[in-house]
Protein backbone atom coordinates (compact mmCIF):
# COMPACT_ATOMS: atom_id res chain seq x y z
CA MET A 1 15.93 1.12 9.70
CA LEU A 2 16.64 0.49 6.08
CA ASN A 3 15.36 3.93 4.96
CA THR A 4 18.39 5.24 6.81
CA VAL A 5 20.70 3.16 5.00
CA ILE A 6 19.17 3.58 1.44
CA GLU A 7 17.59 6.94 0.56
CA LEU A 8 14.70 6.83 -1.75
CA GLU A 9 13.32 9.40 -4.04
CA PRO A 10 9.91 10.82 -3.03
CA GLN A 11 7.07 8.47 -4.03
CA GLN A 12 9.49 5.49 -4.90
CA GLU A 13 8.61 2.52 -2.68
CA ILE A 14 10.15 -0.85 -2.77
CA SER A 15 7.99 -3.75 -2.10
CA THR A 16 9.07 -5.63 0.89
CA SER A 17 8.22 -8.98 -0.83
CA ILE A 18 10.99 -8.33 -3.27
CA THR A 19 13.62 -7.89 -0.54
CA LYS A 20 12.82 -11.19 1.36
CA ASN A 21 14.70 -13.61 -0.73
CA TRP A 22 17.25 -13.62 -3.66
CA THR A 23 15.52 -14.13 -6.92
CA PRO A 24 17.19 -15.05 -10.14
CA GLN A 25 16.83 -11.42 -11.32
CA ALA A 26 18.63 -10.14 -8.04
CA ILE A 27 21.33 -12.61 -8.53
CA GLU A 28 21.82 -11.52 -12.01
CA CYS A 29 22.19 -8.00 -10.98
CA TYR A 30 24.50 -8.99 -8.10
CA LYS A 31 26.81 -10.74 -10.49
CA LEU A 32 26.77 -7.86 -12.87
CA GLN A 33 27.63 -5.41 -9.93
CA GLY A 34 24.62 -3.33 -10.92
CA ASN A 35 25.89 -2.70 -14.38
CA CYS A 36 22.64 -1.98 -15.90
CA ALA A 37 23.97 -1.67 -19.37
CA GLU A 38 24.48 -5.56 -19.34
CA CYS A 39 21.10 -6.40 -17.60
CA SER A 40 18.52 -8.63 -19.26
CA ILE A 41 15.81 -6.14 -17.94
CA LYS A 42 17.53 -3.12 -19.58
CA LYS A 43 18.09 -4.82 -22.72
CA ALA A 44 14.16 -5.44 -22.84
CA HIS A 45 13.77 -1.60 -22.69
CA TYR A 46 11.11 -1.55 -20.01
CA SER A 47 9.81 1.93 -19.39
CA PHE A 48 10.38 1.79 -15.61
CA ASP A 49 13.31 2.80 -13.50
CA CYS A 50 15.06 -0.12 -12.08
CA GLN A 51 15.25 -0.33 -8.44
CA MET A 52 17.37 -3.58 -8.53
CA PRO A 53 20.71 -1.95 -7.26
CA LYS A 54 18.81 -0.66 -4.16
CA ILE A 55 17.19 -3.98 -3.71
CA ILE A 56 20.58 -5.78 -3.87
CA GLU A 57 21.80 -3.66 -0.95
CA ILE A 58 18.64 -4.47 1.18
CA LEU A 59 19.12 -8.19 0.39
CA LYS A 60 22.82 -8.24 1.42
CA LEU A 61 21.83 -6.53 4.86
CA MET A 62 18.91 -8.66 5.35
CA ASN A 63 20.08 -12.19 3.90
CA GLY A 64 23.71 -11.89 3.44
CA GLU A 65 25.48 -12.67 0.08
CA PRO A 66 23.71 -14.85 -2.32
CA GLU A 67 24.69 -18.58 -2.94
CA ILE A 68 26.17 -18.51 -6.35
CA GLU A 69 26.97 -21.66 -8.32
């Protein structure tokens, strides 16, 4: 079902474990509205392509909006 909502590039899979609960990193991305330039992960210069904006959409569908303090 979610694959019809969010199209992934071939051979890009998102682990189902990361889409079960709002993590601190997911909440950060949510607060930044997916602005990767401000993300702590992006600033660390990791060599992978971030999938967090896609994960945020799945989390919103599955769990609703996060509780933010």
